[in-house]
Amino acid sequence: MILDYNKLWKLMIDKNINKTGLCKQAKISTNAMAKMGRNESVPLETLVKICDVLKCTLNDVVEIKSKEENNGDN
């Protein structure tokens, strides 16, 4: 399974918030943000904090794809 945070980046653009601002508001580390930038896993607590700041659900920020689906995106 592959994590895809593209929905998060689009939501951040829509809400006019940058990565630094989200880190500060959600009280998450820049390391967690960097991991999401590489589509790596982060603790559920981190995602919940982000959703709280952005007033959204987990489905709005992360998508779980199969490896086959991900290969089709390239």
PDB file of N, CA and C in Angstrom:
ATOM      1  N   MET A   1       0.833  -1.185   0.000  1.00  0.00           N
ATOM      2  CA  MET A   1       0.000   0.000   0.000  1.00  0.00           C
ATOM      3  C   MET A   1       0.881   1.254   0.000  1.00  0.00           C
ATOM      4  N   ILE A   2       0.411   2.252  -0.686  1.00  0.00           N
ATOM      5  CA  ILE A   2       1.123   3.518  -0.825  1.00  0.00           C
ATOM      6  C   ILE A   2       0.244   4.639  -0.277  1.00  0.00           C
ATOM      7  N   LEU A   3       0.856   5.520   0.507  1.00  0.00           N
ATOM      8  CA  LEU A   3       0.137   6.703   0.990  1.00  0.00           C
ATOM      9  C   LEU A   3       0.325   7.839   0.000  1.00  0.00           C
ATOM     10  N   ASP A   4      -0.723   8.581  -0.232  1.00  0.00           N
ATOM     11  CA  ASP A   4      -0.676   9.713  -1.162  1.00  0.00           C
ATOM     12  C   ASP A   4      -1.310  10.920  -0.480  1.00  0.00           C
ATOM     13  N   TYR A   5      -0.505  11.964  -0.281  1.00  0.00           N
ATOM     14  CA  TYR A   5      -0.973  13.168   0.410  1.00  0.00           C
ATOM     15  C   TYR A   5      -1.327  14.301  -0.553  1.00  0.00           C
ATOM     16  N   ASN A   6      -1.519  14.001  -1.831  1.00  0.00           N
ATOM     17  CA  ASN A   6      -1.837  15.060  -2.798  1.00  0.00           C
ATOM     18  C   ASN A   6      -3.088  15.845  -2.417  1.00  0.00           C
ATOM     19  N   LYS A   7      -4.049  15.165  -1.817  1.00  0.00           N
ATOM     20  CA  LYS A   7      -5.270  15.863  -1.385  1.00  0.00           C
ATOM     21  C   LYS A   7      -4.942  16.928  -0.341  1.00  0.00           C
ATOM     22  N   LEU A   8      -3.978  16.629   0.540  1.00  0.00           N
ATOM     23  CA  LEU A   8      -3.575  17.598   1.562  1.00  0.00           C
ATOM     24  C   LEU A   8      -2.989  18.843   0.913  1.00  0.00           C
ATOM     25  N   TRP A   9      -2.088  18.650  -0.047  1.00  0.00           N
ATOM     26  CA  TRP A   9      -1.429  19.810  -0.680  1.00  0.00           C
ATOM     27  C   TRP A   9      -2.465  20.676  -1.399  1.00  0.00           C
ATOM     28  N   LYS A  10      -3.425  20.042  -2.068  1.00  0.00           N
ATOM     29  CA  LYS A  10      -4.473  20.801  -2.759  1.00  0.00           C
ATOM     30  C   LYS A  10      -5.351  21.556  -1.764  1.00  0.00           C
ATOM     31  N   LEU A  11      -5.671  20.908  -0.644  1.00  0.00           N
ATOM     32  CA  LEU A  11      -6.490  21.548   0.387  1.00  0.00           C
ATOM     33  C   LEU A  11      -5.759  22.743   0.994  1.00  0.00           C
ATOM     34  N   MET A  12      -4.456  22.598   1.194  1.00  0.00           N
ATOM     35  CA  MET A  12      -3.661  23.703   1.740  1.00  0.00           C
ATOM     36  C   MET A  12      -3.674  24.898   0.788  1.00  0.00           C
ATOM     37  N   ILE A  13      -3.592  24.630  -0.505  1.00  0.00           N
ATOM     38  CA  ILE A  13      -3.658  25.714  -1.493  1.00  0.00           C
ATOM     39  C   ILE A  13      -5.024  26.385  -1.425  1.00  0.00           C
ATOM     40  N   ASP A  14      -6.077  25.574  -1.379  1.00  0.00           N
ATOM     41  CA  ASP A  14      -7.439  26.118  -1.315  1.00  0.00           C
ATOM     42  C   ASP A  14      -7.649  26.981  -0.077  1.00  0.00           C
ATOM     43  N   LYS A  15      -7.016  26.596   1.031  1.00  0.00           N
ATOM     44  CA  LYS A  15      -7.193  27.319   2.291  1.00  0.00           C
ATOM     45  C   LYS A  15      -6.096  28.360   2.516  1.00  0.00           C
ATOM     46  N   ASN A  16      -5.226  28.516   1.514  1.00  0.00           N
ATOM     47  CA  ASN A  16      -4.171  29.534   1.547  1.00  0.00           C
ATOM     48  C   ASN A  16      -3.280  29.407   2.791  1.00  0.00           C
ATOM     49  N   ILE A  17      -2.803  28.189   3.037  1.00  0.00           N
ATOM     50  CA  ILE A  17      -1.904  27.953   4.161  1.00  0.00           C
ATOM     51  C   ILE A  17      -0.676  27.206   3.649  1.00  0.00           C
ATOM     52  N   ASN A  18       0.491  27.622   4.106  1.00  0.00           N
ATOM     53  CA  ASN A  18       1.715  26.955   3.674  1.00  0.00           C
ATOM     54  C   ASN A  18       2.140  25.907   4.701  1.00  0.00           C
ATOM     55  N   LYS A  19       3.177  25.142   4.368  1.00  0.00           N
ATOM     56  CA  LYS A  19       3.623  24.052   5.238  1.00  0.00           C
ATOM     57  C   LYS A  19       4.072  24.559   6.600  1.00  0.00           C
ATOM     58  N   THR A  20       4.810  25.657   6.615  1.00  0.00           N
ATOM     59  CA  THR A  20       5.286  26.213   7.883  1.00  0.00           C
ATOM     60  C   THR A  20       4.117  26.642   8.754  1.00  0.00           C
ATOM     61  N   GLY A  21       3.160  27.319   8.156  1.00  0.00           N
ATOM     62  CA  GLY A  21       1.983  27.765   8.894  1.00  0.00           C
ATOM     63  C   GLY A  21       1.185  26.602   9.452  1.00  0.00           C
ATOM     64  N   LEU A  22       1.041  25.547   8.661  1.00  0.00           N
ATOM     65  CA  LEU A  22       0.295  24.382   9.126  1.00  0.00           C
ATOM     66  C   LEU A  22       1.029  23.698  10.275  1.00  0.00           C
ATOM     67  N   CYS A  23       2.343  23.596  10.168  1.00  0.00           N
ATOM     68  CA  CYS A  23       3.133  22.998  11.253  1.00  0.00           C
ATOM     69  C   CYS A  23       2.914  23.754  12.557  1.00  0.00           C
ATOM     70  N   LYS A  24       2.949  25.068  12.477  1.00  0.00           N
ATOM     71  CA  LYS A  24       2.777  25.885  13.686  1.00  0.00           C
ATOM     72  C   LYS A  24       1.366  25.760  14.242  1.00  0.00           C
ATOM     73  N   GLN A  25       0.363  25.881  13.381  1.00  0.00           N
ATOM     74  CA  GLN A  25      -1.027  25.838  13.842  1.00  0.00           C
ATOM     75  C   GLN A  25      -1.414  24.461  14.385  1.00  0.00           C
ATOM     76  N   ALA A  26      -0.933  23.404  13.738  1.00  0.00           N
ATOM     77  CA  ALA A  26      -1.284  22.045  14.155  1.00  0.00           C
ATOM     78  C   ALA A  26      -0.342  21.518  15.237  1.00  0.00           C
ATOM     79  N   LYS A  27       0.717  22.275  15.493  1.00  0.00           N
ATOM     80  CA  LYS A  27       1.726  21.858  16.478  1.00  0.00           C
ATOM     81  C   LYS A  27       2.310  20.493  16.116  1.00  0.00           C
ATOM     82  N   ILE A  28       2.728  20.384  14.848  1.00  0.00           N
ATOM     83  CA  ILE A  28       3.394  19.171  14.382  1.00  0.00           C
ATOM     84  C   ILE A  28       4.810  19.538  13.962  1.00  0.00           C
ATOM     85  N   SER A  29       5.668  18.551  13.895  1.00  0.00           N
ATOM     86  CA  SER A  29       7.068  18.807  13.561  1.00  0.00           C
ATOM     87  C   SER A  29       7.258  18.998  12.054  1.00  0.00           C
ATOM     88  N   THR A  30       8.316  19.711  11.724  1.00  0.00           N
ATOM     89  CA  THR A  30       8.663  19.859  10.311  1.00  0.00           C
ATOM     90  C   THR A  30       9.093  18.507   9.745  1.00  0.00           C
ATOM     91  N   ASN A  31       9.598  17.631  10.609  1.00  0.00           N
ATOM     92  CA  ASN A  31       9.970  16.286  10.184  1.00  0.00           C
ATOM     93  C   ASN A  31       8.742  15.515   9.698  1.00  0.00           C
ATOM     94  N   ALA A  32       7.629  15.657  10.409  1.00  0.00           N
ATOM     95  CA  ALA A  32       6.386  14.996   9.990  1.00  0.00           C
ATOM     96  C   ALA A  32       5.935  15.537   8.637  1.00  0.00           C
ATOM     97  N   MET A  33       6.050  16.839   8.451  1.00  0.00           N
ATOM     98  CA  MET A  33       5.660  17.451   7.179  1.00  0.00           C
ATOM     99  C   MET A  33       6.560  16.939   6.053  1.00  0.00           C
ATOM    100  N   ALA A  34       7.847  16.811   6.339  1.00  0.00           N
ATOM    101  CA  ALA A  34       8.783  16.297   5.333  1.00  0.00           C
ATOM    102  C   ALA A  34       8.441  14.856   4.960  1.00  0.00           C
ATOM    103  N   LYS A  35       8.076  14.053   5.947  1.00  0.00           N
ATOM    104  CA  LYS A  35       7.687  12.665   5.672  1.00  0.00           C
ATOM    105  C   LYS A  35       6.468  12.618   4.757  1.00  0.00           C
ATOM    106  N   MET A  36       5.500  13.489   5.012  1.00  0.00           N
ATOM    107  CA  MET A  36       4.316  13.518   4.154  1.00  0.00           C
ATOM    108  C   MET A  36       4.696  13.958   2.743  1.00  0.00           C
ATOM    109  N   GLY A  37       5.671  14.847   2.640  1.00  0.00           N
ATOM    110  CA  GLY A  37       6.147  15.279   1.329  1.00  0.00           C
ATOM    111  C   GLY A  37       6.750  14.138   0.527  1.00  0.00           C
ATOM    112  N   ARG A  38       7.236  13.118   1.242  1.00  0.00           N
ATOM    113  CA  ARG A  38       7.799  11.927   0.594  1.00  0.00           C
ATOM    114  C   ARG A  38       6.793  10.770   0.566  1.00  0.00           C
ATOM    115  N   ASN A  39       5.533  11.078   0.889  1.00  0.00           N
ATOM    116  CA  ASN A  39       4.460  10.071   0.948  1.00  0.00           C
ATOM    117  C   ASN A  39       4.793   8.922   1.895  1.00  0.00           C
ATOM    118  N   GLU A  40       5.446   9.262   3.020  1.00  0.00           N
ATOM    119  CA  GLU A  40       5.746   8.277   4.051  1.00  0.00           C
ATOM    120  C   GLU A  40       4.676   8.357   5.139  1.00  0.00           C
ATOM    121  N   SER A  41       4.605   7.321   5.948  1.00  0.00           N
ATOM    122  CA  SER A  41       3.586   7.293   6.999  1.00  0.00           C
ATOM    123  C   SER A  41       3.963   8.222   8.152  1.00  0.00           C
ATOM    124  N   VAL A  42       2.954   8.779   8.767  1.00  0.00           N
ATOM    125  CA  VAL A  42       3.098   9.608   9.964  1.00  0.00           C
ATOM    126  C   VAL A  42       2.069   9.103  10.974  1.00  0.00           C
ATOM    127  N   PRO A  43       2.266   9.396  12.255  1.00  0.00           N
ATOM    128  CA  PRO A  43       1.289   8.939  13.255  1.00  0.00           C
ATOM    129  C   PRO A  43      -0.116   9.480  12.981  1.00  0.00           C
ATOM    130  N   LEU A  44      -1.101   8.678  13.304  1.00  0.00           N
ATOM    131  CA  LEU A  44      -2.491   9.089  13.136  1.00  0.00           C
ATOM    132  C   LEU A  44      -2.761  10.388  13.885  1.00  0.00           C
ATOM    133  N   GLU A  45      -2.157  10.552  15.045  1.00  0.00           N
ATOM    134  CA  GLU A  45      -2.330  11.774  15.838  1.00  0.00           C
ATOM    135  C   GLU A  45      -1.935  13.018  15.031  1.00  0.00           C
ATOM    136  N   THR A  46      -0.886  12.901  14.237  1.00  0.00           N
ATOM    137  CA  THR A  46      -0.445  14.016  13.395  1.00  0.00           C
ATOM    138  C   THR A  46      -1.520  14.375  12.380  1.00  0.00           C
ATOM    139  N   LEU A  47      -2.087  13.361  11.743  1.00  0.00           N
ATOM    140  CA  LEU A  47      -3.132  13.603  10.745  1.00  0.00           C
ATOM    141  C   LEU A  47      -4.380  14.201  11.382  1.00  0.00           C
ATOM    142  N   VAL A  48      -4.705  13.758  12.589  1.00  0.00           N
ATOM    143  CA  VAL A  48      -5.871  14.293  13.295  1.00  0.00           C
ATOM    144  C   VAL A  48      -5.658  15.772  13.615  1.00  0.00           C
ATOM    145  N   LYS A  49      -4.451  16.140  14.022  1.00  0.00           N
ATOM    146  CA  LYS A  49      -4.143  17.549  14.311  1.00  0.00           C
ATOM    147  C   LYS A  49      -4.295  18.398  13.052  1.00  0.00           C
ATOM    148  N   ILE A  50      -3.830  17.877  11.931  1.00  0.00           N
ATOM    149  CA  ILE A  50      -3.951  18.591  10.658  1.00  0.00           C
ATOM    150  C   ILE A  50      -5.425  18.765  10.296  1.00  0.00           C
ATOM    151  N   CYS A  51      -6.192  17.694  10.432  1.00  0.00           N
ATOM    152  CA  CYS A  51      -7.623  17.759  10.118  1.00  0.00           C
ATOM    153  C   CYS A  51      -8.340  18.759  11.016  1.00  0.00           C
ATOM    154  N   ASP A  52      -7.925  18.840  12.268  1.00  0.00           N
ATOM    155  CA  ASP A  52      -8.543  19.782  13.196  1.00  0.00           C
ATOM    156  C   ASP A  52      -8.304  21.220  12.739  1.00  0.00           C
ATOM    157  N   VAL A  53      -7.089  21.521  12.318  1.00  0.00           N
ATOM    158  CA  VAL A  53      -6.756  22.874  11.856  1.00  0.00           C
ATOM    159  C   VAL A  53      -7.475  23.194  10.547  1.00  0.00           C
ATOM    160  N   LEU A  54      -7.491  22.238   9.628  1.00  0.00           N
ATOM    161  CA  LEU A  54      -8.077  22.478   8.305  1.00  0.00           C
ATOM    162  C   LEU A  54      -9.589  22.237   8.271  1.00  0.00           C
ATOM    163  N   LYS A  55     -10.150  21.788   9.388  1.00  0.00           N
ATOM    164  CA  LYS A  55     -11.599  21.523   9.480  1.00  0.00           C
ATOM    165  C   LYS A  55     -12.036  20.540   8.388  1.00  0.00           C
ATOM    166  N   CYS A  56     -11.384  19.372   8.388  1.00  0.00           N
ATOM    167  CA  CYS A  56     -11.674  18.369   7.376  1.00  0.00           C
ATOM    168  C   CYS A  56     -11.571  16.977   7.988  1.00  0.00           C
ATOM    169  N   THR A  57     -11.736  15.956   7.167  1.00  0.00           N
ATOM    170  CA  THR A  57     -11.617  14.573   7.618  1.00  0.00           C
ATOM    171  C   THR A  57     -10.339  13.954   7.065  1.00  0.00           C
ATOM    172  N   LEU A  58     -10.009  12.773   7.564  1.00  0.00           N
ATOM    173  CA  LEU A  58      -8.821  12.073   7.070  1.00  0.00           C
ATOM    174  C   LEU A  58      -8.905  11.813   5.570  1.00  0.00           C
ATOM    175  N   ASN A  59     -10.100  11.517   5.081  1.00  0.00           N
ATOM    176  CA  ASN A  59     -10.273  11.268   3.644  1.00  0.00           C
ATOM    177  C   ASN A  59      -9.952  12.497   2.805  1.00  0.00           C
ATOM    178  N   ASP A  60      -9.986  13.666   3.417  1.00  0.00           N
ATOM    179  CA  ASP A  60      -9.678  14.899   2.698  1.00  0.00           C
ATOM    180  C   ASP A  60      -8.180  15.156   2.575  1.00  0.00           C
ATOM    181  N   VAL A  61      -7.354  14.420   3.355  1.00  0.00           N
ATOM    182  CA  VAL A  61      -5.919  14.716   3.353  1.00  0.00           C
ATOM    183  C   VAL A  61      -5.037  13.572   2.884  1.00  0.00           C
ATOM    184  N   VAL A  62      -5.498  12.351   3.009  1.00  0.00           N
ATOM    185  CA  VAL A  62      -4.645  11.219   2.623  1.00  0.00           C
ATOM    186  C   VAL A  62      -5.466  10.179   1.870  1.00  0.00           C
ATOM    187  N   GLU A  63      -4.803   9.558   0.913  1.00  0.00           N
ATOM    188  CA  GLU A  63      -5.422   8.489   0.135  1.00  0.00           C
ATOM    189  C   GLU A  63      -4.492   7.284   0.189  1.00  0.00           C
ATOM    190  N   ILE A  64      -5.064   6.114   0.376  1.00  0.00           N
ATOM    191  CA  ILE A  64      -4.278   4.883   0.390  1.00  0.00           C
ATOM    192  C   ILE A  64      -4.490   4.192  -0.943  1.00  0.00           C
ATOM    193  N   LYS A  65      -3.385   3.971  -1.640  1.00  0.00           N
ATOM    194  CA  LYS A  65      -3.455   3.358  -2.965  1.00  0.00           C
ATOM    195  C   LYS A  65      -2.698   2.038  -2.966  1.00  0.00           C
ATOM    196  N   SER A  66      -3.093   1.154  -3.846  1.00  0.00           N
ATOM    197  CA  SER A  66      -2.332  -0.074  -4.041  1.00  0.00           C
ATOM    198  C   SER A  66      -1.108   0.272  -4.882  1.00  0.00           C
ATOM    199  N   LYS A  67      -0.114  -0.576  -4.837  1.00  0.00           N
ATOM    200  CA  LYS A  67       1.092  -0.328  -5.635  1.00  0.00           C
ATOM    201  C   LYS A  67       0.759  -0.283  -7.123  1.00  0.00           C
ATOM    202  N   GLU A  68      -0.208  -1.079  -7.536  1.00  0.00           N
ATOM    203  CA  GLU A  68      -0.604  -1.096  -8.943  1.00  0.00           C
ATOM    204  C   GLU A  68      -1.208   0.244  -9.358  1.00  0.00           C
ATOM    205  N   GLU A  69      -2.048   0.813  -8.487  1.00  0.00           N
ATOM    206  CA  GLU A  69      -2.642   2.126  -8.774  1.00  0.00           C
ATOM    207  C   GLU A  69      -1.563   3.182  -8.899  1.00  0.00           C
ATOM    208  N   ASN A  70      -0.598   3.149  -7.996  1.00  0.00           N
ATOM    209  CA  ASN A  70       0.463   4.144  -7.980  1.00  0.00           C
ATOM    210  C   ASN A  70       1.306   4.064  -9.245  1.00  0.00           C
ATOM    211  N   ASN A  71       1.566   2.857  -9.733  1.00  0.00           N
ATOM    212  CA  ASN A  71       2.347   2.705 -10.959  1.00  0.00           C
ATOM    213  C   ASN A  71       1.630   3.319 -12.150  1.00  0.00           C
ATOM    214  N   GLY A  72       0.322   3.338 -12.135  1.00  0.00           N
ATOM    215  CA  GLY A  72      -0.449   3.932 -13.214  1.00  0.00           C
ATOM    216  C   GLY A  72      -0.371   5.438 -13.245  1.00  0.00           C
ATOM    217  N   ASP A  73       0.040   6.065 -12.126  1.00  0.00           N
ATOM    218  CA  ASP A  73       0.131   7.521 -12.055  1.00  0.00           C
ATOM    219  C   ASP A  73       1.374   8.063 -12.737  1.00  0.00           C
ATOM    220  N   ASN A  74       2.349   7.202 -12.988  1.00  0.00           N
ATOM    221  CA  ASN A  74       3.630   7.673 -13.545  1.00  0.00           C
ATOM    222  C   ASN A  74       3.589   7.824 -15.018  1.00  0.00           C
TER     223      ASN A  74
END
